[in-house]
C-alpha atoms as a PDB file:
ATOM      1  CA  MET A   1     156.012 246.801 115.323  1.00  0.00           C
ATOM      2  CA  VAL A   2     153.457 247.564 117.375  1.00  0.00           C
ATOM      3  CA  SER A   3     153.159 245.689 121.010  1.00  0.00           C
ATOM      4  CA  GLU A   4     150.523 243.032 122.397  1.00  0.00           C
ATOM      5  CA  THR A   5     150.430 245.822 124.737  1.00  0.00           C
ATOM      6  CA  LYS A   6     149.311 248.692 122.766  1.00  0.00           C
ATOM      7  CA  LYS A   7     147.389 246.881 120.381  1.00  0.00           C
ATOM      8  CA  ARG A   8     144.914 245.860 124.257  1.00  0.00           C
ATOM      9  CA  GLN A   9     144.520 249.315 124.747  1.00  0.00           C
ATOM     10  CA  VAL A  10     144.056 250.475 121.019  1.00  0.00           C
ATOM     11  CA  LEU A  11     141.001 247.677 121.128  1.00  0.00           C
ATOM     12  CA  ASP A  12     139.767 249.184 124.695  1.00  0.00           C
ATOM     13  CA  LEU A  13     139.657 252.933 123.864  1.00  0.00           C
ATOM     14  CA  ILE A  14     137.887 250.900 120.481  1.00  0.00           C
ATOM     15  CA  HIS A  15     135.050 249.987 122.965  1.00  0.00           C
ATOM     16  CA  ASN A  16     134.882 252.768 124.900  1.00  0.00           C
ATOM     17  CA  ILE A  17     134.379 255.019 121.980  1.00  0.00           C
ATOM     18  CA  LYS A  18     131.609 252.773 121.035  1.00  0.00           C
ATOM     19  CA  THR A  19     130.097 252.607 124.036  1.00  0.00           C
ATOM     20  CA  SER A  20     130.195 255.747 125.054  1.00  0.00           C
ATOM     21  CA  PRO A  21     127.306 258.582 124.062  1.00  0.00           C
ATOM     22  CA  ILE A  22     129.983 261.452 124.619  1.00  0.00           C
ATOM     23  CA  VAL A  23     133.207 261.563 122.992  1.00  0.00           C
ATOM     24  CA  GLY A  24     135.501 264.615 123.526  1.00  0.00           C
ATOM     25  CA  VAL A  25     138.788 265.751 122.810  1.00  0.00           C
ATOM     26  CA  VAL A  26     141.251 267.582 125.335  1.00  0.00           C
ATOM     27  CA  ASN A  27     144.231 269.282 124.952  1.00  0.00           C
ATOM     28  CA  PHE A  28     146.413 269.396 128.024  1.00  0.00           C
ATOM     29  CA  GLU A  29     149.444 271.544 127.032  1.00  0.00           C
ATOM     30  CA  ASN A  30     151.014 273.594 129.422  1.00  0.00           C
ATOM     31  CA  LEU A  31     149.206 271.997 131.881  1.00  0.00           C
ATOM     32  CA  PRO A  32     151.496 270.592 134.696  1.00  0.00           C
ATOM     33  CA  ALA A  33     151.362 267.077 136.004  1.00  0.00           C
ATOM     34  CA  GLN A  34     150.103 268.041 139.730  1.00  0.00           C
ATOM     35  CA  GLN A  35     147.043 269.906 138.050  1.00  0.00           C
ATOM     36  CA  LEU A  36     146.615 267.246 135.340  1.00  0.00           C
ATOM     37  CA  GLN A  37     145.933 264.371 138.534  1.00  0.00           C
ATOM     38  CA  LYS A  38     144.021 266.771 140.437  1.00  0.00           C
ATOM     39  CA  MET A  39     141.361 267.800 137.640  1.00  0.00           C
ATOM     40  CA  ARG A  40     141.764 263.611 136.633  1.00  0.00           C
ATOM     41  CA  ALA A  41     140.509 262.996 139.984  1.00  0.00           C
ATOM     42  CA  LEU A  42     137.808 265.666 140.036  1.00  0.00           C
ATOM     43  CA  LEU A  43     136.510 264.596 136.679  1.00  0.00           C
ATOM     44  CA  LEU A  44     136.054 261.107 137.696  1.00  0.00           C
ATOM     45  CA  LYS A  45     134.070 262.269 140.483  1.00  0.00           C
ATOM     46  CA  ASP A  46     131.122 262.953 137.830  1.00  0.00           C
ATOM     47  CA  ASP A  47     132.046 259.429 135.598  1.00  0.00           C
ATOM     48  CA  ILE A  48     134.313 260.877 133.646  1.00  0.00           C
ATOM     49  CA  ASN A  49     136.820 259.698 132.193  1.00  0.00           C
ATOM     50  CA  ILE A  50     140.485 260.530 130.211  1.00  0.00           C
ATOM     51  CA  VAL A  51     142.088 258.022 128.443  1.00  0.00           C
ATOM     52  CA  MET A  52     145.527 259.577 127.080  1.00  0.00           C
ATOM     53  CA  MET A  53     147.702 257.715 124.276  1.00  0.00           C
ATOM     54  CA  ARG A  54     149.779 259.176 121.273  1.00  0.00           C
ATOM     55  CA  LYS A  55     148.532 260.935 118.552  1.00  0.00           C
ATOM     56  CA  ARG A  56     148.922 258.046 116.253  1.00  0.00           C
ATOM     57  CA  LEU A  57     147.052 255.570 118.538  1.00  0.00           C
ATOM     58  CA  LEU A  58     144.197 257.739 119.311  1.00  0.00           C
ATOM     59  CA  HIS A  59     143.858 258.533 115.578  1.00  0.00           C
ATOM     60  CA  ARG A  60     143.714 254.653 114.845  1.00  0.00           C
ATOM     61  CA  ALA A  61     141.361 253.739 117.521  1.00  0.00           C
ATOM     62  CA  LEU A  62     139.011 256.888 116.387  1.00  0.00           C
ATOM     63  CA  GLN A  63     139.112 255.668 112.817  1.00  0.00           C
ATOM     64  CA  GLU A  64     138.489 251.742 113.569  1.00  0.00           C
ATOM     65  CA  SER A  65     134.981 252.730 115.926  1.00  0.00           C
ATOM     66  CA  GLN A  66     134.246 253.884 112.329  1.00  0.00           C
ATOM     67  CA  GLN A  67     131.473 256.125 114.220  1.00  0.00           C
ATOM     68  CA  GLN A  68     129.739 258.576 112.024  1.00  0.00           C
ATOM     69  CA  ASN A  69     131.650 261.369 111.577  1.00  0.00           C
ATOM     70  CA  VAL A  70     133.767 261.015 113.754  1.00  0.00           C
ATOM     71  CA  GLU A  71     136.616 261.939 110.942  1.00  0.00           C
ATOM     72  CA  GLN A  72     135.621 265.370 112.123  1.00  0.00           C
ATOM     73  CA  LEU A  73     136.377 264.680 115.615  1.00  0.00           C
ATOM     74  CA  ILE A  74     140.107 263.545 114.588  1.00  0.00           C
ATOM     75  CA  GLN A  75     140.748 267.250 112.762  1.00  0.00           C
ATOM     76  CA  LYS A  76     140.347 268.556 116.346  1.00  0.00           C
ATOM     77  CA  ILE A  77     143.606 266.872 117.376  1.00  0.00           C
ATOM     78  CA  LYS A  78     145.704 269.232 118.209  1.00  0.00           C
ATOM     79  CA  GLY A  79     148.336 269.740 120.888  1.00  0.00           C
ATOM     80  CA  MET A  80     148.973 266.907 123.974  1.00  0.00           C
ATOM     81  CA  PRO A  81     145.825 265.294 123.011  1.00  0.00           C
ATOM     82  CA  ALA A  82     143.371 262.742 125.021  1.00  0.00           C
ATOM     83  CA  LEU A  83     140.437 261.694 124.844  1.00  0.00           C
ATOM     84  CA  ILE A  84     137.679 261.996 127.208  1.00  0.00           C
ATOM     85  CA  PHE A  85     134.500 260.022 127.884  1.00  0.00           C
ATOM     86  CA  SER A  86     131.279 260.571 129.757  1.00  0.00           C
ATOM     87  CA  LYS A  87     127.561 259.851 130.252  1.00  0.00           C
ATOM     88  CA  SER A  88     126.279 263.591 131.095  1.00  0.00           C
ATOM     89  CA  ASN A  89     125.994 265.919 128.017  1.00  0.00           C
ATOM     90  CA  PRO A  90     128.611 268.423 125.685  1.00  0.00           C
ATOM     91  CA  PHE A  91     127.108 271.660 127.928  1.00  0.00           C
ATOM     92  CA  LYS A  92     127.370 270.102 131.351  1.00  0.00           C
ATOM     93  CA  LEU A  93     130.958 268.090 130.134  1.00  0.00           C
ATOM     94  CA  TYR A  94     132.379 271.857 129.256  1.00  0.00           C
ATOM     95  CA  ALA A  95     130.952 273.798 132.375  1.00  0.00           C
ATOM     96  CA  ILE A  96     132.099 271.185 134.425  1.00  0.00           C
ATOM     97  CA  ILE A  97     135.810 271.446 132.899  1.00  0.00           C
ATOM     98  CA  GLN A  98     135.655 275.369 133.166  1.00  0.00           C
ATOM     99  CA  LYS A  99     134.858 275.621 136.372  1.00  0.00           C
ATOM    100  CA  ASN A 100     137.949 273.741 137.288  1.00  0.00           C
ATOM    101  CA  LYS A 101     140.295 276.255 135.382  1.00  0.00           C
ATOM    102  CA  SER A 102     142.316 278.536 137.321  1.00  0.00           C
ATOM    103  CA  GLU A 103     143.551 282.366 135.920  1.00  0.00           C
ATOM    104  CA  ALA A 104     147.469 282.480 135.548  1.00  0.00           C
ATOM    105  CA  PRO A 105     149.755 285.317 134.658  1.00  0.00           C
ATOM    106  CA  ALA A 106     151.072 284.845 130.850  1.00  0.00           C
ATOM    107  CA  LYS A 107     154.464 284.073 129.801  1.00  0.00           C
ATOM    108  CA  GLY A 108     156.264 285.081 126.522  1.00  0.00           C
ATOM    109  CA  GLY A 109     155.773 283.006 123.725  1.00  0.00           C
ATOM    110  CA  GLN A 110     152.176 281.571 124.890  1.00  0.00           C
ATOM    111  CA  LYS A 111     149.242 281.776 122.612  1.00  0.00           C
ATOM    112  CA  ALA A 112     146.465 284.149 123.665  1.00  0.00           C
ATOM    113  CA  PRO A 113     143.631 282.095 124.604  1.00  0.00           C
ATOM    114  CA  LYS A 114     140.628 284.911 124.089  1.00  0.00           C
ATOM    115  CA  LYS A 115     141.734 289.424 123.199  1.00  0.00           C
ATOM    116  CA  ILE A 116     143.355 290.900 126.140  1.00  0.00           C
ATOM    117  CA  VAL A 117     141.887 294.083 126.959  1.00  0.00           C
ATOM    118  CA  VAL A 118     143.545 296.674 129.287  1.00  0.00           C
ATOM    119  CA  SER A 119     140.985 298.683 131.069  1.00  0.00           C
ATOM    120  CA  ALA A 120     140.722 303.030 131.159  1.00  0.00           C
ATOM    121  CA  GLY A 121     141.479 304.013 134.473  1.00  0.00           C
ATOM    122  CA  PRO A 122     144.141 304.649 137.199  1.00  0.00           C
ATOM    123  CA  THR A 123     146.958 302.519 138.904  1.00  0.00           C
ATOM    124  CA  SER A 124     148.734 302.892 142.085  1.00  0.00           C
ATOM    125  CA  PHE A 125     152.020 303.535 139.638  1.00  0.00           C
ATOM    126  CA  ALA A 126     153.940 307.042 140.258  1.00  0.00           C
ATOM    127  CA  PRO A 127     154.935 308.421 137.010  1.00  0.00           C
ATOM    128  CA  GLY A 128     159.035 306.829 135.784  1.00  0.00           C
ATOM    129  CA  PRO A 129     160.076 304.521 133.338  1.00  0.00           C
ATOM    130  CA  ILE A 130     156.485 302.718 133.553  1.00  0.00           C
ATOM    131  CA  ILE A 131     155.733 305.054 131.064  1.00  0.00           C
ATOM    132  CA  SER A 132     157.553 304.430 128.609  1.00  0.00           C
ATOM    133  CA  GLU A 133     157.136 300.176 129.217  1.00  0.00           C
ATOM    134  CA  LEU A 134     153.374 300.667 128.808  1.00  0.00           C
ATOM    135  CA  ALA A 135     153.799 302.848 125.408  1.00  0.00           C
ATOM    136  CA  ALA A 136     155.516 300.205 123.782  1.00  0.00           C
ATOM    137  CA  VAL A 137     152.720 298.209 124.035  1.00  0.00           C
ATOM    138  CA  GLY A 138     150.249 300.221 123.104  1.00  0.00           C
ATOM    139  CA  ILE A 139     148.601 301.855 126.542  1.00  0.00           C
ATOM    140  CA  LYS A 140     148.295 305.528 126.899  1.00  0.00           C
ATOM    141  CA  THR A 141     148.988 306.910 130.128  1.00  0.00           C
ATOM    142  CA  LYS A 142     148.352 310.821 131.675  1.00  0.00           C
ATOM    143  CA  VAL A 143     149.513 311.168 135.337  1.00  0.00           C
ATOM    144  CA  ASP A 144     146.396 312.319 137.914  1.00  0.00           C
ATOM    145  CA  ALA A 145     147.180 313.701 141.481  1.00  0.00           C
ATOM    146  CA  GLY A 146     150.433 311.716 141.147  1.00  0.00           C
ATOM    147  CA  LYS A 147     149.687 308.999 139.772  1.00  0.00           C
ATOM    148  CA  LEU A 148     149.137 307.108 136.267  1.00  0.00           C
ATOM    149  CA  VAL A 149     145.681 306.700 134.772  1.00  0.00           C
ATOM    150  CA  ILE A 150     145.146 304.600 131.656  1.00  0.00           C
ATOM    151  CA  ILE A 151     143.485 306.673 129.350  1.00  0.00           C
ATOM    152  CA  SER A 152     141.132 304.588 127.092  1.00  0.00           C
ATOM    153  CA  ASP A 153     140.276 301.026 127.297  1.00  0.00           C
ATOM    154  CA  THR A 154     143.711 298.888 124.667  1.00  0.00           C
ATOM    155  CA  THR A 155     143.299 295.650 123.163  1.00  0.00           C
ATOM    156  CA  VAL A 156     146.750 294.693 123.602  1.00  0.00           C
ATOM    157  CA  ALA A 157     146.322 291.221 122.491  1.00  0.00           C
ATOM    158  CA  ASN A 158     143.777 289.417 120.218  1.00  0.00           C
ATOM    159  CA  GLU A 159     142.288 285.480 120.400  1.00  0.00           C
ATOM    160  CA  GLY A 160     145.678 283.617 119.076  1.00  0.00           C
ATOM    161  CA  ASP A 161     148.338 286.277 119.132  1.00  0.00           C
ATOM    162  CA  ILE A 162     151.707 285.265 120.468  1.00  0.00           C
ATOM    163  CA  ILE A 163     152.481 287.133 123.738  1.00  0.00           C
ATOM    164  CA  SER A 164     155.872 289.137 123.389  1.00  0.00           C
ATOM    165  CA  PRO A 165     158.134 289.031 126.703  1.00  0.00           C
ATOM    166  CA  LYS A 166     157.306 292.307 127.074  1.00  0.00           C
ATOM    167  CA  LEU A 167     153.851 292.278 126.895  1.00  0.00           C
ATOM    168  CA  ALA A 168     154.000 289.054 129.330  1.00  0.00           C
ATOM    169  CA  GLU A 169     155.817 291.532 131.977  1.00  0.00           C
ATOM    170  CA  THR A 170     153.899 294.445 131.620  1.00  0.00           C
ATOM    171  CA  LEU A 171     150.787 292.551 132.111  1.00  0.00           C
ATOM    172  CA  LYS A 172     152.175 290.615 135.389  1.00  0.00           C
ATOM    173  CA  ARG A 173     153.230 294.256 136.801  1.00  0.00           C
ATOM    174  CA  LEU A 174     149.142 295.363 136.037  1.00  0.00           C
ATOM    175  CA  GLU A 175     148.321 292.122 137.760  1.00  0.00           C
ATOM    176  CA  ILE A 176     146.372 290.560 134.561  1.00  0.00           C
ATOM    177  CA  LYS A 177     146.369 286.829 134.447  1.00  0.00           C
ATOM    178  CA  PRO A 178     145.152 286.368 130.934  1.00  0.00           C
ATOM    179  CA  MET A 179     145.650 282.878 130.975  1.00  0.00           C
ATOM    180  CA  GLU A 180     143.619 279.841 132.265  1.00  0.00           C
ATOM    181  CA  ILE A 181     145.341 276.600 133.685  1.00  0.00           C
ATOM    182  CA  GLY A 182     143.123 273.556 133.191  1.00  0.00           C
ATOM    183  CA  LEU A 183     142.141 271.088 130.760  1.00  0.00           C
ATOM    184  CA  ASP A 184     141.301 272.972 127.057  1.00  0.00           C
ATOM    185  CA  LEU A 185     137.964 270.975 125.790  1.00  0.00           C
ATOM    186  CA  VAL A 186     138.860 270.987 121.704  1.00  0.00           C
ATOM    187  CA  ALA A 187     135.920 269.179 120.607  1.00  0.00           C
ATOM    188  CA  VAL A 188     132.995 267.121 121.497  1.00  0.00           C
ATOM    189  CA  TRP A 189     131.128 263.704 119.740  1.00  0.00           C
ATOM    190  CA  GLU A 190     127.634 263.290 120.743  1.00  0.00           C
ATOM    191  CA  ASN A 191     125.356 260.792 118.140  1.00  0.00           C
ATOM    192  CA  GLY A 192     127.231 261.920 115.131  1.00  0.00           C
ATOM    193  CA  LEU A 193     127.672 265.573 115.350  1.00  0.00           C
ATOM    194  CA  VAL A 194     130.326 267.316 116.551  1.00  0.00           C
ATOM    195  CA  TYR A 195     130.705 270.684 118.440  1.00  0.00           C
ATOM    196  CA  ASP A 196     133.981 272.732 118.725  1.00  0.00           C
ATOM    197  CA  GLY A 197     134.542 273.519 122.091  1.00  0.00           C
ATOM    198  CA  LYS A 198     133.641 277.227 121.972  1.00  0.00           C
ATOM    199  CA  GLN A 199     130.217 276.425 120.779  1.00  0.00           C
ATOM    200  CA  LEU A 200     129.142 274.836 124.249  1.00  0.00           C
ATOM    201  CA  TYR A 201     129.751 277.791 125.889  1.00  0.00           C
ATOM    202  CA  ILE A 202     126.314 279.333 127.730  1.00  0.00           C
ATOM    203  CA  ASP A 203     126.429 282.260 130.028  1.00  0.00           C
ATOM    204  CA  GLU A 204     124.258 280.641 132.803  1.00  0.00           C
ATOM    205  CA  ALA A 205     122.983 284.187 134.564  1.00  0.00           C
ATOM    206  CA  GLU A 206     122.348 285.305 130.828  1.00  0.00           C
ATOM    207  CA  TYR A 207     120.670 282.397 129.843  1.00  0.00           C
ATOM    208  CA  LEU A 208     118.437 282.567 133.204  1.00  0.00           C
ATOM    209  CA  GLN A 209     117.620 285.994 132.477  1.00  0.00           C
ATOM    210  CA  LYS A 210     116.198 285.090 129.054  1.00  0.00           C
ATOM    211  CA  ILE A 211     114.222 282.376 130.556  1.00  0.00           C
ATOM    212  CA  THR A 212     112.734 284.421 133.135  1.00  0.00           C
ATOM    213  CA  THR A 213     111.912 287.392 130.051  1.00  0.00           C
ATOM    214  CA  ALA A 214     110.445 284.725 127.983  1.00  0.00           C
ATOM    215  CA  ALA A 215     107.654 283.476 131.056  1.00  0.00           C
ATOM    216  CA  GLN A 216     106.904 287.100 131.538  1.00  0.00           C
ATOM    217  CA  TRP A 217     106.138 287.940 127.838  1.00  0.00           C
ATOM    218  CA  ALA A 218     104.485 284.225 128.053  1.00  0.00           C
ATOM    219  CA  MET A 219     102.171 285.141 130.737  1.00  0.00           C
ATOM    220  CA  ASN A 220     101.575 288.767 129.544  1.00  0.00           C
ATOM    221  CA  LEU A 221     100.606 287.165 126.191  1.00  0.00           C
ATOM    222  CA  ALA A 222      97.920 284.684 127.993  1.00  0.00           C
ATOM    223  CA  VAL A 223      96.461 287.139 130.363  1.00  0.00           C
ATOM    224  CA  GLU A 224      95.573 289.818 127.571  1.00  0.00           C
ATOM    225  CA  SER A 225      94.599 287.059 125.335  1.00  0.00           C
ATOM    226  CA  SER A 226      92.312 285.783 128.034  1.00  0.00           C
ATOM    227  CA  TYR A 227      93.877 282.161 127.658  1.00  0.00           C
ATOM    228  CA  THR A 228      93.030 280.209 130.860  1.00  0.00           C
ATOM    229  CA  THR A 229      95.780 278.031 132.545  1.00  0.00           C
ATOM    230  CA  SER A 230      96.323 276.771 136.023  1.00  0.00           C
ATOM    231  CA  ASP A 231      98.680 279.869 136.127  1.00  0.00           C
ATOM    232  CA  THR A 232      96.707 282.849 134.619  1.00  0.00           C
ATOM    233  CA  ILE A 233      93.408 281.894 136.025  1.00  0.00           C
ATOM    234  CA  GLU A 234      93.823 283.871 139.232  1.00  0.00           C
ATOM    235  CA  LEU A 235      95.187 286.850 137.137  1.00  0.00           C
ATOM    236  CA  LEU A 236      91.995 286.695 134.981  1.00  0.00           C
ATOM    237  CA  LEU A 237      89.646 286.741 137.397  1.00  0.00           C
ATOM    238  CA  GLN A 238      91.379 289.629 138.954  1.00  0.00           C
ATOM    239  CA  LYS A 239      91.738 291.577 135.766  1.00  0.00           C
ATOM    240  CA  ALA A 240      88.034 290.479 134.908  1.00  0.00           C
ATOM    241  CA  PHE A 241      86.616 291.630 138.326  1.00  0.00           C
ATOM    242  CA  ARG A 242      88.616 295.418 138.186  1.00  0.00           C
ATOM    243  CA  GLU A 243      87.164 295.580 134.578  1.00  0.00           C
ATOM    244  CA  ALA A 244      83.401 294.537 135.747  1.00  0.00           C
ATOM    245  CA  LYS A 245      84.161 297.424 138.468  1.00  0.00           C
ATOM    246  CA  ALA A 246      84.788 300.153 135.939  1.00  0.00           C
ATOM    247  CA  VAL A 247      81.954 299.264 134.058  1.00  0.00           C
ATOM    248  CA  ALA A 248      79.154 299.373 137.096  1.00  0.00           C
ATOM    249  CA  LEU A 249      81.337 302.790 138.463  1.00  0.00           C
ATOM    250  CA  ASP A 250      80.418 304.345 135.163  1.00  0.00           C
ATOM    251  CA  ALA A 251      76.932 303.217 134.555  1.00  0.00           C
ATOM    252  CA  ALA A 252      76.306 303.853 138.595  1.00  0.00           C
ATOM    253  CA  ILE A 253      75.210 300.654 138.909  1.00  0.00           C
ATOM    254  CA  MET A 254      74.681 299.985 142.753  1.00  0.00           C
ATOM    255  CA  THR A 255      76.617 297.316 144.222  1.00  0.00           C
ATOM    256  CA  PRO A 256      77.676 296.033 147.585  1.00  0.00           C
ATOM    257  CA  GLU A 257      81.122 296.879 145.794  1.00  0.00           C
ATOM    258  CA  THR A 258      80.791 299.726 143.962  1.00  0.00           C
ATOM    259  CA  ARG A 259      78.195 301.433 146.555  1.00  0.00           C
ATOM    260  CA  GLU A 260      81.058 303.578 148.509  1.00  0.00           C
ATOM    261  CA  GLU A 261      82.885 304.511 145.822  1.00  0.00           C
ATOM    262  CA  LEU A 262      79.399 305.702 143.844  1.00  0.00           C
ATOM    263  CA  LEU A 263      78.252 307.871 147.250  1.00  0.00           C
ATOM    264  CA  ALA A 264      81.598 309.211 147.520  1.00  0.00           C
ATOM    265  CA  LYS A 265      81.419 310.400 143.679  1.00  0.00           C
ATOM    266  CA  SER A 266      78.381 311.440 144.238  1.00  0.00           C
ATOM    267  CA  GLU A 267      79.028 313.595 147.118  1.00  0.00           C
ATOM    268  CA  GLN A 268      81.901 314.897 145.265  1.00  0.00           C
ATOM    269  CA  HIS A 269      79.771 316.401 142.949  1.00  0.00           C
ATOM    270  CA  ALA A 270      77.054 317.895 145.077  1.00  0.00           C
ATOM    271  CA  LEU A 271      80.104 319.484 146.791  1.00  0.00           C
ATOM    272  CA  SER A 272      80.828 320.832 143.788  1.00  0.00           C
ATOM    273  CA  LEU A 273      77.441 321.889 142.470  1.00  0.00           C
ATOM    274  CA  LYS A 274      77.010 323.855 145.459  1.00  0.00           C
ATOM    275  CA  GLY A 275      80.439 325.757 145.462  1.00  0.00           C
ATOM    276  CA  GLU A 276      79.221 326.766 142.103  1.00  0.00           C
ATOM    277  CA  ALA A 277      76.085 327.881 143.025  1.00  0.00           C
ATOM    278  CA  ASN A 278      77.298 329.870 146.068  1.00  0.00           C
ATOM    279  CA  LEU A 279      74.711 327.808 148.543  1.00  0.00           C
END
């Protein structure tokens, strides 16, 4: 039988689901308690709240909220789940959570969060048993100047693969930290739409570069088509001046702007003619 306390908690959770514009599912499996408390405190500064309950109660609260397509969000609940509430937007929420993650070495039995690649290049290892250890996980090496060199980029695990203890130890020796300590934002609900966490990733540097490139293309198109705006008027006037001056020079029209160049051109022609005539 459900206690009155649990009933009130579920009712409060239903209220939060109905009134929050953003509802997310997070997984804090493998997240140390100290890190979790630190993360909750950081998120509260951005008016982001985390509510942890048993899976059964989270399911019930989401179902009874009767929000549009909430069943899709329920299907995303996994691991050690919690609900997260925000007044921001899904992309900003994802970015905030990602920025508060830290790297960590892998442990045997963990799932690879992404493809793990060991890059080609020199190492600090001298030849020895390490050669067979690297070969055991598929990494080919050679000796150069008394040190081991990894011959080519090697994928040692794909996303979702279970990391063996041997591979975990090898990655640790290579100082590769493929794991992330932090909240895992699994999915987000907004106005009836459910986004997978991975759909919310934006490379901000690449995005800014694309906006800059698009702005440059738009400016070039506007100038070439003589489309007048506050941003193009100065460039269009400069272009018109250059083109008018070029026409005037070709037609030998004397103006204050063309006088010096026409005189210089005439002098050059005169000198050339003098040379041809041996005068």
